[in-house]
């Protein structure tokens, strides 16, 4: 079976500390994915980003960081020097950093976060609808997402394709299972001639 997913982008809060359960979950997820041959992509900052990097490195995995060094964004978390990347791509502004995280990942794992994470999730989701059928899948980590997505479904104009591009997972093994499930679906679509290739930004 073709391996459509090779890089996994992690999104989530920059303010979560190592003492947090969510930080440890991100660490464990990245470590498990690295053990299974996946490269991790993150923003090179603290919180979930550093958890993802350290988790991947603990398993001998590679990490690509899409970073930003702004001079005029006082509320931006910035580059975490304790986030030791295998390779770094420096973005010129916040939007290009976001686009880089979206482009270099083949799928997205989204943990709990604030407005920045919500923005990243929204962009992932919009692109999944626009490119549905050869989109990049979105894995929402944690059962709390069920209530959020249910609220969107009830109160917003969300169609079935938008819902089908999301999968809620709650364990590292769940992420891997979701990846394999999506790849089987893409393999079938490719065999039937319905797959037109991945998008890029």
N, C-alpha and C. Protein backbone atom coordinates (compact mmCIF):
# COMPACT_ATOMS: atom_id res chain seq x y z
N UNK A 1 0.84 -1.19 0.00
CA UNK A 1 0.00 0.00 0.00
C UNK A 1 0.87 1.25 0.00
N UNK A 2 0.53 2.22 -0.82
CA UNK A 2 1.26 3.48 -0.85
C UNK A 2 1.16 4.19 0.49
N UNK A 3 2.25 4.83 0.88
CA UNK A 3 2.26 5.61 2.11
C UNK A 3 2.07 7.06 1.74
N UNK A 4 0.84 7.53 1.85
CA UNK A 4 0.52 8.91 1.48
C UNK A 4 0.99 9.89 2.55
N UNK A 5 1.03 9.43 3.78
CA UNK A 5 1.39 10.30 4.89
C UNK A 5 2.79 9.95 5.39
N UNK A 6 3.69 10.93 5.32
CA UNK A 6 5.05 10.76 5.81
C UNK A 6 5.40 11.76 6.91
N UNK A 7 4.78 12.95 6.82
CA UNK A 7 5.02 13.99 7.82
C UNK A 7 3.72 14.35 8.52
N UNK A 8 3.79 14.52 9.83
CA UNK A 8 2.61 14.84 10.64
C UNK A 8 2.84 16.17 11.34
N UNK A 9 1.99 17.15 11.06
CA UNK A 9 2.10 18.45 11.71
C UNK A 9 1.30 18.47 13.01
N UNK A 10 1.94 18.94 14.08
CA UNK A 10 1.30 19.07 15.39
C UNK A 10 0.92 20.53 15.62
N UNK A 11 -0.33 20.75 16.02
CA UNK A 11 -0.80 22.07 16.43
C UNK A 11 -1.30 21.98 17.87
N UNK A 12 -1.19 23.09 18.61
CA UNK A 12 -1.71 23.12 19.97
C UNK A 12 -1.13 24.29 20.75
N UNK A 13 -1.52 24.40 21.98
CA UNK A 13 -1.16 25.54 22.82
C UNK A 13 0.34 25.67 23.03
N UNK A 14 0.82 26.91 22.95
CA UNK A 14 2.22 27.20 23.25
C UNK A 14 2.46 27.40 24.74
N UNK A 15 1.41 27.54 25.51
CA UNK A 15 1.55 27.87 26.94
C UNK A 15 1.48 26.65 27.85
N UNK A 16 1.16 25.50 27.30
CA UNK A 16 1.07 24.29 28.12
C UNK A 16 2.47 23.85 28.57
N UNK A 17 2.61 23.51 29.85
CA UNK A 17 3.91 23.14 30.41
C UNK A 17 4.06 21.63 30.52
N UNK A 18 5.29 21.21 30.82
CA UNK A 18 5.60 19.78 30.90
C UNK A 18 4.79 19.06 31.98
N UNK A 19 4.29 19.80 32.95
CA UNK A 19 3.50 19.19 34.02
C UNK A 19 2.09 18.85 33.56
N UNK A 20 1.69 19.38 32.42
CA UNK A 20 0.32 19.19 31.93
C UNK A 20 0.13 17.81 31.31
N UNK A 21 -1.03 17.24 31.51
CA UNK A 21 -1.38 15.96 30.89
C UNK A 21 -1.38 16.08 29.37
N UNK A 22 -1.83 17.22 28.85
CA UNK A 22 -1.88 17.41 27.40
C UNK A 22 -0.47 17.45 26.81
N UNK A 23 0.46 18.08 27.51
CA UNK A 23 1.85 18.11 27.06
C UNK A 23 2.38 16.69 26.93
N UNK A 24 2.12 15.87 27.94
CA UNK A 24 2.60 14.49 27.92
C UNK A 24 1.93 13.68 26.82
N UNK A 25 0.67 13.96 26.56
CA UNK A 25 -0.03 13.27 25.47
C UNK A 25 0.60 13.60 24.12
N UNK A 26 0.94 14.86 23.91
CA UNK A 26 1.58 15.26 22.66
C UNK A 26 2.97 14.61 22.54
N UNK A 27 3.69 14.59 23.64
CA UNK A 27 5.02 13.95 23.67
C UNK A 27 4.90 12.48 23.28
N UNK A 28 3.97 11.78 23.92
CA UNK A 28 3.80 10.35 23.66
C UNK A 28 3.35 10.09 22.23
N UNK A 29 2.47 10.94 21.73
CA UNK A 29 1.97 10.77 20.36
C UNK A 29 3.10 10.94 19.35
N UNK A 30 3.92 11.97 19.52
CA UNK A 30 5.03 12.21 18.60
C UNK A 30 6.06 11.09 18.69
N UNK A 31 6.33 10.63 19.90
CA UNK A 31 7.27 9.53 20.09
C UNK A 31 6.78 8.27 19.38
N UNK A 32 5.51 7.96 19.55
CA UNK A 32 4.93 6.77 18.94
C UNK A 32 4.95 6.87 17.41
N UNK A 33 4.61 8.02 16.88
CA UNK A 33 4.61 8.20 15.43
C UNK A 33 6.03 8.11 14.87
N UNK A 34 7.00 8.69 15.59
CA UNK A 34 8.39 8.60 15.15
C UNK A 34 8.87 7.16 15.14
N UNK A 35 8.47 6.40 16.14
CA UNK A 35 8.82 4.97 16.19
C UNK A 35 8.28 4.23 14.98
N UNK A 36 7.18 4.72 14.44
CA UNK A 36 6.55 4.09 13.30
C UNK A 36 6.93 4.73 11.97
N UNK A 37 8.00 5.53 11.99
CA UNK A 37 8.59 6.03 10.75
C UNK A 37 8.09 7.36 10.24
N UNK A 38 7.34 8.11 11.05
CA UNK A 38 6.82 9.40 10.60
C UNK A 38 7.71 10.54 11.08
N UNK A 39 7.84 11.55 10.23
CA UNK A 39 8.55 12.77 10.59
C UNK A 39 7.54 13.75 11.17
N UNK A 40 7.97 14.50 12.18
CA UNK A 40 7.10 15.46 12.85
C UNK A 40 7.39 16.87 12.35
N UNK A 41 6.33 17.67 12.20
CA UNK A 41 6.45 19.08 11.83
C UNK A 41 5.80 19.91 12.92
N UNK A 42 6.47 20.96 13.38
CA UNK A 42 5.85 21.88 14.33
C UNK A 42 6.43 23.27 14.16
N UNK A 43 5.95 24.19 14.97
CA UNK A 43 6.33 25.59 14.81
C UNK A 43 7.58 26.03 15.52
N UNK A 44 8.30 25.10 16.17
CA UNK A 44 9.56 25.43 16.81
C UNK A 44 9.43 26.22 18.10
N UNK A 45 8.22 26.33 18.61
CA UNK A 45 8.01 27.10 19.83
C UNK A 45 7.88 26.21 21.06
N UNK A 46 7.37 26.76 22.16
CA UNK A 46 7.18 26.00 23.40
C UNK A 46 5.86 25.23 23.41
N UNK A 47 5.50 24.70 24.56
CA UNK A 47 4.21 24.02 24.71
C UNK A 47 4.11 22.74 23.90
N UNK A 48 3.00 22.58 23.20
CA UNK A 48 2.76 21.39 22.40
C UNK A 48 3.85 21.20 21.35
N UNK A 49 4.36 22.30 20.81
CA UNK A 49 5.42 22.21 19.80
C UNK A 49 6.67 21.55 20.36
N UNK A 50 7.11 21.99 21.53
CA UNK A 50 8.31 21.38 22.12
C UNK A 50 8.04 19.96 22.56
N UNK A 51 6.82 19.69 23.04
CA UNK A 51 6.46 18.32 23.41
C UNK A 51 6.56 17.40 22.21
N UNK A 52 6.09 17.87 21.05
CA UNK A 52 6.15 17.06 19.84
C UNK A 52 7.59 16.80 19.42
N UNK A 53 8.41 17.85 19.47
CA UNK A 53 9.81 17.70 19.10
C UNK A 53 10.53 16.72 20.02
N UNK A 54 10.38 16.92 21.32
CA UNK A 54 11.09 16.07 22.27
C UNK A 54 10.59 14.64 22.21
N UNK A 55 9.30 14.47 21.97
CA UNK A 55 8.76 13.11 21.83
C UNK A 55 9.35 12.41 20.63
N UNK A 56 9.40 13.10 19.50
CA UNK A 56 9.96 12.51 18.29
C UNK A 56 11.44 12.20 18.46
N UNK A 57 12.19 13.13 19.04
CA UNK A 57 13.63 12.93 19.22
C UNK A 57 13.92 11.79 20.19
N UNK A 58 13.03 11.58 21.17
CA UNK A 58 13.23 10.48 22.12
C UNK A 58 13.19 9.13 21.43
N UNK A 59 12.53 9.08 20.28
CA UNK A 59 12.42 7.83 19.52
C UNK A 59 13.35 7.82 18.30
N UNK A 60 14.26 8.79 18.23
CA UNK A 60 15.19 8.86 17.12
C UNK A 60 14.59 9.42 15.85
N UNK A 61 13.46 10.12 15.97
CA UNK A 61 12.78 10.65 14.81
C UNK A 61 13.28 12.02 14.40
N UNK A 62 12.89 12.46 13.21
CA UNK A 62 13.26 13.75 12.68
C UNK A 62 12.13 14.75 12.89
N UNK A 63 12.52 16.03 13.07
CA UNK A 63 11.55 17.10 13.28
C UNK A 63 11.88 18.27 12.37
N UNK A 64 10.89 18.71 11.62
CA UNK A 64 11.01 19.90 10.79
C UNK A 64 10.26 21.04 11.48
N UNK A 65 10.94 22.14 11.70
CA UNK A 65 10.31 23.29 12.34
C UNK A 65 10.09 24.42 11.35
N UNK A 66 8.89 24.97 11.32
CA UNK A 66 8.59 26.16 10.53
C UNK A 66 8.50 27.30 11.53
N UNK A 67 9.51 28.16 11.56
CA UNK A 67 9.66 29.11 12.65
C UNK A 67 9.48 30.56 12.18
N UNK A 68 9.34 31.41 13.18
CA UNK A 68 9.16 32.84 12.92
C UNK A 68 9.87 33.64 14.01
N UNK A 69 10.57 34.72 13.61
CA UNK A 69 11.28 35.58 14.54
C UNK A 69 10.78 37.02 14.37
N UNK A 70 9.57 37.32 14.82
CA UNK A 70 9.00 38.65 14.61
C UNK A 70 9.56 39.69 15.59
N UNK A 71 9.53 40.92 15.17
CA UNK A 71 9.99 42.01 16.03
C UNK A 71 8.82 42.85 16.56
N UNK A 72 7.62 42.62 16.03
CA UNK A 72 6.51 43.51 16.36
C UNK A 72 5.26 42.76 16.85
N UNK A 73 5.42 41.53 17.34
CA UNK A 73 4.28 40.74 17.81
C UNK A 73 4.52 40.34 19.27
N UNK A 74 4.15 41.21 20.18
CA UNK A 74 4.49 41.01 21.59
C UNK A 74 3.80 39.81 22.21
N UNK A 75 2.68 39.35 21.62
CA UNK A 75 1.95 38.22 22.18
C UNK A 75 2.28 36.90 21.48
N UNK A 76 3.22 36.93 20.54
CA UNK A 76 3.62 35.70 19.86
C UNK A 76 4.62 34.96 20.74
N UNK A 77 4.47 33.63 20.83
CA UNK A 77 5.30 32.84 21.74
C UNK A 77 6.78 32.82 21.38
N UNK A 78 7.09 32.98 20.09
CA UNK A 78 8.49 33.03 19.67
C UNK A 78 9.14 31.66 19.57
N UNK A 79 10.41 31.70 19.26
CA UNK A 79 11.21 30.49 19.09
C UNK A 79 11.66 29.98 20.45
N UNK A 80 11.45 28.70 20.72
CA UNK A 80 11.90 28.09 21.97
C UNK A 80 13.26 27.44 21.73
N UNK A 81 14.29 27.97 22.37
CA UNK A 81 15.64 27.45 22.15
C UNK A 81 15.81 26.04 22.70
N UNK A 82 14.88 25.59 23.53
CA UNK A 82 14.90 24.21 24.02
C UNK A 82 14.18 23.25 23.08
N UNK A 83 13.62 23.79 22.02
CA UNK A 83 12.98 22.97 20.99
C UNK A 83 14.05 22.72 19.91
N UNK A 84 14.73 21.60 20.02
CA UNK A 84 15.88 21.29 19.17
C UNK A 84 15.41 20.57 17.91
N UNK A 85 15.42 21.28 16.79
CA UNK A 85 14.88 20.77 15.55
C UNK A 85 15.94 20.04 14.72
N UNK A 86 15.51 19.10 13.89
CA UNK A 86 16.40 18.45 12.94
C UNK A 86 16.67 19.38 11.76
N UNK A 87 15.63 20.10 11.34
CA UNK A 87 15.73 21.05 10.24
C UNK A 87 14.80 22.20 10.52
N UNK A 88 15.21 23.41 10.15
CA UNK A 88 14.40 24.61 10.39
C UNK A 88 14.19 25.40 9.11
N UNK A 89 12.95 25.81 8.89
CA UNK A 89 12.62 26.72 7.80
C UNK A 89 12.09 28.00 8.43
N UNK A 90 12.76 29.12 8.19
CA UNK A 90 12.36 30.39 8.80
C UNK A 90 11.37 31.11 7.90
N UNK A 91 10.18 31.37 8.44
CA UNK A 91 9.14 32.08 7.69
C UNK A 91 9.33 33.59 7.86
N UNK A 92 8.84 34.34 6.87
CA UNK A 92 8.98 35.79 6.90
C UNK A 92 7.90 36.49 7.70
N UNK A 93 6.74 35.86 7.83
CA UNK A 93 5.65 36.44 8.62
C UNK A 93 4.74 35.34 9.14
N UNK A 94 3.77 35.72 9.95
CA UNK A 94 2.91 34.74 10.62
C UNK A 94 2.10 33.90 9.64
N UNK A 95 1.58 34.54 8.59
CA UNK A 95 0.78 33.81 7.61
C UNK A 95 1.62 32.78 6.86
N UNK A 96 2.84 33.17 6.49
CA UNK A 96 3.70 32.23 5.78
C UNK A 96 4.13 31.09 6.69
N UNK A 97 4.28 31.37 7.98
CA UNK A 97 4.58 30.29 8.93
C UNK A 97 3.42 29.31 8.96
N UNK A 98 2.21 29.81 9.05
CA UNK A 98 1.03 28.94 9.07
C UNK A 98 0.94 28.12 7.79
N UNK A 99 1.13 28.78 6.65
CA UNK A 99 1.08 28.08 5.37
C UNK A 99 2.16 27.00 5.30
N UNK A 100 3.34 27.30 5.85
CA UNK A 100 4.42 26.31 5.85
C UNK A 100 4.06 25.08 6.66
N UNK A 101 3.44 25.29 7.81
CA UNK A 101 3.01 24.17 8.64
C UNK A 101 1.96 23.32 7.93
N UNK A 102 1.10 23.98 7.17
CA UNK A 102 0.06 23.27 6.43
C UNK A 102 0.64 22.54 5.22
N UNK A 103 1.58 23.17 4.55
CA UNK A 103 2.11 22.60 3.31
C UNK A 103 3.05 21.42 3.58
N UNK A 104 3.89 21.54 4.59
CA UNK A 104 4.90 20.51 4.81
C UNK A 104 4.35 19.28 5.54
N UNK A 105 3.20 19.40 6.17
CA UNK A 105 2.58 18.24 6.80
C UNK A 105 1.65 17.53 5.82
N UNK A 106 1.59 16.21 5.92
CA UNK A 106 0.67 15.42 5.10
C UNK A 106 -0.65 15.19 5.84
N UNK A 107 -0.65 15.44 7.12
CA UNK A 107 -1.87 15.39 7.93
C UNK A 107 -1.63 16.25 9.16
N UNK A 108 -2.68 16.49 9.92
CA UNK A 108 -2.60 17.41 11.06
C UNK A 108 -3.19 16.77 12.31
N UNK A 109 -2.45 16.88 13.43
CA UNK A 109 -2.96 16.47 14.73
C UNK A 109 -3.12 17.73 15.56
N UNK A 110 -4.34 17.97 16.01
CA UNK A 110 -4.64 19.24 16.68
C UNK A 110 -5.03 18.99 18.13
N UNK A 111 -4.23 19.51 19.03
CA UNK A 111 -4.45 19.40 20.46
C UNK A 111 -5.17 20.65 20.98
N UNK A 112 -5.42 20.65 22.26
CA UNK A 112 -6.06 21.81 22.89
C UNK A 112 -5.18 23.04 22.75
N UNK A 113 -5.80 24.17 22.47
CA UNK A 113 -5.03 25.41 22.33
C UNK A 113 -5.93 26.62 22.40
N UNK A 114 -5.36 27.77 22.06
CA UNK A 114 -6.10 29.02 22.11
C UNK A 114 -6.49 29.51 20.73
N UNK A 115 -6.55 30.83 20.58
CA UNK A 115 -7.02 31.41 19.32
C UNK A 115 -6.11 31.07 18.14
N UNK A 116 -4.80 30.96 18.40
CA UNK A 116 -3.89 30.58 17.32
C UNK A 116 -4.19 29.18 16.81
N UNK A 117 -4.42 28.26 17.73
CA UNK A 117 -4.75 26.89 17.35
C UNK A 117 -6.09 26.83 16.63
N UNK A 118 -7.05 27.63 17.10
CA UNK A 118 -8.36 27.68 16.43
C UNK A 118 -8.18 28.19 15.00
N UNK A 119 -7.34 29.19 14.81
CA UNK A 119 -7.07 29.72 13.47
C UNK A 119 -6.46 28.65 12.57
N UNK A 120 -5.50 27.92 13.10
CA UNK A 120 -4.84 26.86 12.33
C UNK A 120 -5.82 25.74 11.99
N UNK A 121 -6.65 25.38 12.95
CA UNK A 121 -7.67 24.37 12.70
C UNK A 121 -8.63 24.82 11.60
N UNK A 122 -9.06 26.08 11.68
CA UNK A 122 -9.98 26.60 10.67
C UNK A 122 -9.39 26.55 9.27
N UNK A 123 -8.11 26.88 9.14
CA UNK A 123 -7.45 26.83 7.84
C UNK A 123 -7.35 25.40 7.34
N UNK A 124 -6.95 24.48 8.23
CA UNK A 124 -6.89 23.06 7.86
C UNK A 124 -8.24 22.58 7.34
N UNK A 125 -9.28 22.94 8.06
CA UNK A 125 -10.63 22.46 7.76
C UNK A 125 -11.14 23.04 6.45
N UNK A 126 -10.90 24.33 6.23
CA UNK A 126 -11.33 24.97 4.98
C UNK A 126 -10.65 24.33 3.78
N UNK A 127 -9.33 24.07 3.89
CA UNK A 127 -8.61 23.44 2.80
C UNK A 127 -9.09 22.02 2.55
N UNK A 128 -9.45 21.31 3.62
CA UNK A 128 -9.96 19.94 3.46
C UNK A 128 -11.25 19.93 2.65
N UNK A 129 -12.09 20.94 2.86
CA UNK A 129 -13.33 21.02 2.07
C UNK A 129 -13.02 21.39 0.63
N UNK A 130 -12.15 22.38 0.43
CA UNK A 130 -11.85 22.84 -0.92
C UNK A 130 -11.21 21.75 -1.77
N UNK A 131 -10.39 20.92 -1.14
CA UNK A 131 -9.67 19.88 -1.86
C UNK A 131 -10.21 18.48 -1.52
N UNK A 132 -11.44 18.42 -1.09
CA UNK A 132 -11.99 17.14 -0.62
C UNK A 132 -11.84 16.06 -1.69
N UNK A 133 -11.39 14.90 -1.26
CA UNK A 133 -11.13 13.80 -2.17
C UNK A 133 -9.65 13.55 -2.34
N UNK A 134 -8.86 14.62 -2.20
CA UNK A 134 -7.41 14.48 -2.12
C UNK A 134 -6.88 15.47 -1.09
N UNK A 135 -7.66 15.62 -0.03
CA UNK A 135 -7.32 16.55 1.05
C UNK A 135 -6.38 15.89 2.05
N UNK A 136 -5.87 16.70 2.94
CA UNK A 136 -5.04 16.21 4.04
C UNK A 136 -5.94 16.01 5.26
N UNK A 137 -5.91 14.85 5.86
CA UNK A 137 -6.84 14.57 6.97
C UNK A 137 -6.47 15.32 8.25
N UNK A 138 -7.49 15.52 9.08
CA UNK A 138 -7.36 16.26 10.33
C UNK A 138 -7.73 15.33 11.48
N UNK A 139 -6.81 15.16 12.41
CA UNK A 139 -7.04 14.32 13.58
C UNK A 139 -7.11 15.21 14.82
N UNK A 140 -8.27 15.27 15.42
CA UNK A 140 -8.51 16.10 16.59
C UNK A 140 -8.26 15.26 17.84
N UNK A 141 -7.30 15.70 18.65
CA UNK A 141 -6.87 14.87 19.77
C UNK A 141 -7.60 15.25 21.06
N UNK A 142 -8.39 14.32 21.56
CA UNK A 142 -9.10 14.53 22.82
C UNK A 142 -10.60 14.47 22.65
N UNK A 143 -11.27 13.86 23.62
CA UNK A 143 -12.73 13.69 23.53
C UNK A 143 -13.49 15.01 23.63
N UNK A 144 -12.85 16.08 24.15
CA UNK A 144 -13.52 17.38 24.26
C UNK A 144 -13.94 17.92 22.89
N UNK A 145 -13.25 17.46 21.83
CA UNK A 145 -13.59 17.91 20.48
C UNK A 145 -15.00 17.48 20.07
N UNK A 146 -15.50 16.42 20.64
CA UNK A 146 -16.84 15.93 20.26
C UNK A 146 -17.89 17.00 20.49
N UNK A 147 -17.81 17.66 21.63
CA UNK A 147 -18.78 18.71 21.96
C UNK A 147 -18.61 19.91 21.03
N UNK A 148 -17.37 20.26 20.73
CA UNK A 148 -17.10 21.41 19.85
C UNK A 148 -17.64 21.15 18.46
N UNK A 149 -17.34 19.99 17.89
CA UNK A 149 -17.79 19.68 16.53
C UNK A 149 -19.30 19.52 16.49
N UNK A 150 -19.87 18.96 17.55
CA UNK A 150 -21.33 18.84 17.61
C UNK A 150 -22.00 20.21 17.61
N UNK A 151 -21.40 21.17 18.32
CA UNK A 151 -21.93 22.53 18.35
C UNK A 151 -21.84 23.18 16.97
N UNK A 152 -20.70 22.99 16.30
CA UNK A 152 -20.56 23.51 14.93
C UNK A 152 -21.64 22.92 14.03
N UNK A 153 -21.84 21.62 14.15
CA UNK A 153 -22.80 20.93 13.29
C UNK A 153 -24.22 21.44 13.50
N UNK A 154 -24.55 21.75 14.76
CA UNK A 154 -25.90 22.19 15.10
C UNK A 154 -26.15 23.67 14.80
N UNK A 155 -25.11 24.47 14.90
CA UNK A 155 -25.31 25.93 14.83
C UNK A 155 -24.75 26.60 13.58
N UNK A 156 -23.87 25.90 12.86
CA UNK A 156 -23.24 26.48 11.68
C UNK A 156 -23.67 25.70 10.44
N UNK A 157 -23.24 26.16 9.27
CA UNK A 157 -23.57 25.49 8.01
C UNK A 157 -22.44 24.53 7.64
N UNK A 158 -22.46 23.35 8.26
CA UNK A 158 -21.42 22.35 8.08
C UNK A 158 -21.99 21.17 7.31
N UNK A 159 -21.35 20.79 6.21
CA UNK A 159 -21.88 19.68 5.42
C UNK A 159 -21.17 18.37 5.75
N UNK A 160 -21.64 17.27 5.15
CA UNK A 160 -21.11 15.95 5.47
C UNK A 160 -19.64 15.79 5.09
N UNK A 161 -19.24 16.38 3.97
CA UNK A 161 -17.84 16.27 3.58
C UNK A 161 -16.92 16.94 4.58
N UNK A 162 -17.36 18.06 5.11
CA UNK A 162 -16.55 18.73 6.12
C UNK A 162 -16.40 17.86 7.37
N UNK A 163 -17.48 17.20 7.75
CA UNK A 163 -17.42 16.32 8.91
C UNK A 163 -16.56 15.09 8.64
N UNK A 164 -16.63 14.58 7.42
CA UNK A 164 -15.88 13.38 7.07
C UNK A 164 -14.38 13.61 7.00
N UNK A 165 -13.97 14.86 6.89
CA UNK A 165 -12.54 15.16 6.83
C UNK A 165 -11.91 15.19 8.22
N UNK A 166 -12.73 15.05 9.27
CA UNK A 166 -12.26 15.08 10.65
C UNK A 166 -12.33 13.70 11.27
N UNK A 167 -11.37 13.39 12.14
CA UNK A 167 -11.43 12.19 12.96
C UNK A 167 -10.98 12.56 14.36
N UNK A 168 -11.76 12.19 15.35
CA UNK A 168 -11.40 12.45 16.75
C UNK A 168 -10.68 11.23 17.29
N UNK A 169 -9.51 11.45 17.87
CA UNK A 169 -8.69 10.36 18.42
C UNK A 169 -8.32 10.71 19.86
N UNK A 170 -7.97 9.70 20.63
CA UNK A 170 -7.61 9.97 22.02
C UNK A 170 -6.42 9.15 22.51
N UNK A 171 -5.61 8.68 21.55
CA UNK A 171 -4.41 7.93 21.93
C UNK A 171 -3.43 7.95 20.76
N UNK A 172 -2.15 7.73 21.03
CA UNK A 172 -1.19 7.63 19.92
C UNK A 172 -1.56 6.52 18.94
N UNK A 173 -2.01 5.39 19.49
CA UNK A 173 -2.43 4.29 18.64
C UNK A 173 -3.62 4.67 17.78
N UNK A 174 -4.48 5.53 18.33
CA UNK A 174 -5.64 6.00 17.59
C UNK A 174 -5.24 6.85 16.39
N UNK A 175 -4.17 7.65 16.54
CA UNK A 175 -3.68 8.45 15.42
C UNK A 175 -3.19 7.54 14.30
N UNK A 176 -2.39 6.53 14.68
CA UNK A 176 -1.84 5.62 13.67
C UNK A 176 -2.96 4.86 12.97
N UNK A 177 -3.94 4.40 13.73
CA UNK A 177 -5.08 3.71 13.13
C UNK A 177 -5.81 4.62 12.15
N UNK A 178 -6.01 5.89 12.52
CA UNK A 178 -6.70 6.84 11.66
C UNK A 178 -5.90 7.11 10.39
N UNK A 179 -4.58 7.20 10.52
CA UNK A 179 -3.72 7.39 9.34
C UNK A 179 -3.88 6.21 8.38
N UNK A 180 -3.79 5.00 8.92
CA UNK A 180 -3.89 3.80 8.08
C UNK A 180 -5.27 3.71 7.43
N UNK A 181 -6.28 4.07 8.17
CA UNK A 181 -7.64 4.04 7.61
C UNK A 181 -7.77 5.03 6.45
N UNK A 182 -7.24 6.23 6.64
CA UNK A 182 -7.32 7.24 5.58
C UNK A 182 -6.51 6.80 4.36
N UNK A 183 -5.33 6.21 4.59
CA UNK A 183 -4.50 5.77 3.47
C UNK A 183 -5.19 4.67 2.66
N UNK A 184 -5.90 3.78 3.33
CA UNK A 184 -6.66 2.74 2.62
C UNK A 184 -7.74 3.37 1.75
N UNK A 185 -8.37 4.40 2.29
CA UNK A 185 -9.40 5.11 1.52
C UNK A 185 -8.80 5.78 0.30
N UNK A 186 -7.64 6.41 0.45
CA UNK A 186 -6.97 7.05 -0.67
C UNK A 186 -6.47 6.03 -1.68
N UNK A 187 -6.01 4.88 -1.20
CA UNK A 187 -5.57 3.82 -2.10
C UNK A 187 -6.72 3.35 -2.98
N UNK A 188 -7.87 3.19 -2.39
CA UNK A 188 -9.05 2.78 -3.15
C UNK A 188 -9.45 3.84 -4.16
N UNK A 189 -9.43 5.11 -3.74
CA UNK A 189 -9.79 6.20 -4.64
C UNK A 189 -8.82 6.29 -5.81
N UNK A 190 -7.53 6.08 -5.53
CA UNK A 190 -6.52 6.13 -6.57
C UNK A 190 -6.71 4.98 -7.56
N UNK A 191 -7.02 3.81 -7.04
CA UNK A 191 -7.25 2.63 -7.89
C UNK A 191 -8.45 2.83 -8.80
N UNK A 192 -9.45 3.53 -8.29
CA UNK A 192 -10.67 3.77 -9.07
C UNK A 192 -10.57 5.01 -9.95
N UNK A 193 -9.42 5.71 -9.89
CA UNK A 193 -9.20 6.88 -10.73
C UNK A 193 -9.84 8.15 -10.22
N UNK A 194 -10.17 8.20 -8.91
CA UNK A 194 -10.82 9.38 -8.35
C UNK A 194 -9.85 10.32 -7.64
N UNK A 195 -8.59 9.95 -7.57
CA UNK A 195 -7.61 10.76 -6.84
C UNK A 195 -6.81 11.60 -7.82
N UNK A 196 -6.82 12.91 -7.63
CA UNK A 196 -6.16 13.80 -8.58
C UNK A 196 -4.86 14.39 -8.06
N UNK A 197 -4.41 13.95 -6.89
CA UNK A 197 -3.15 14.47 -6.36
C UNK A 197 -3.33 15.45 -5.23
N UNK A 198 -2.31 15.55 -4.35
CA UNK A 198 -2.41 16.43 -3.19
C UNK A 198 -2.30 17.89 -3.59
N UNK A 199 -2.82 18.74 -2.72
CA UNK A 199 -2.69 20.17 -2.96
C UNK A 199 -1.42 20.69 -2.31
N UNK A 200 -1.02 21.85 -2.73
CA UNK A 200 0.07 22.56 -2.09
C UNK A 200 -0.29 24.03 -2.04
N UNK A 201 0.38 24.77 -1.17
CA UNK A 201 0.06 26.19 -0.98
C UNK A 201 1.12 27.07 -1.62
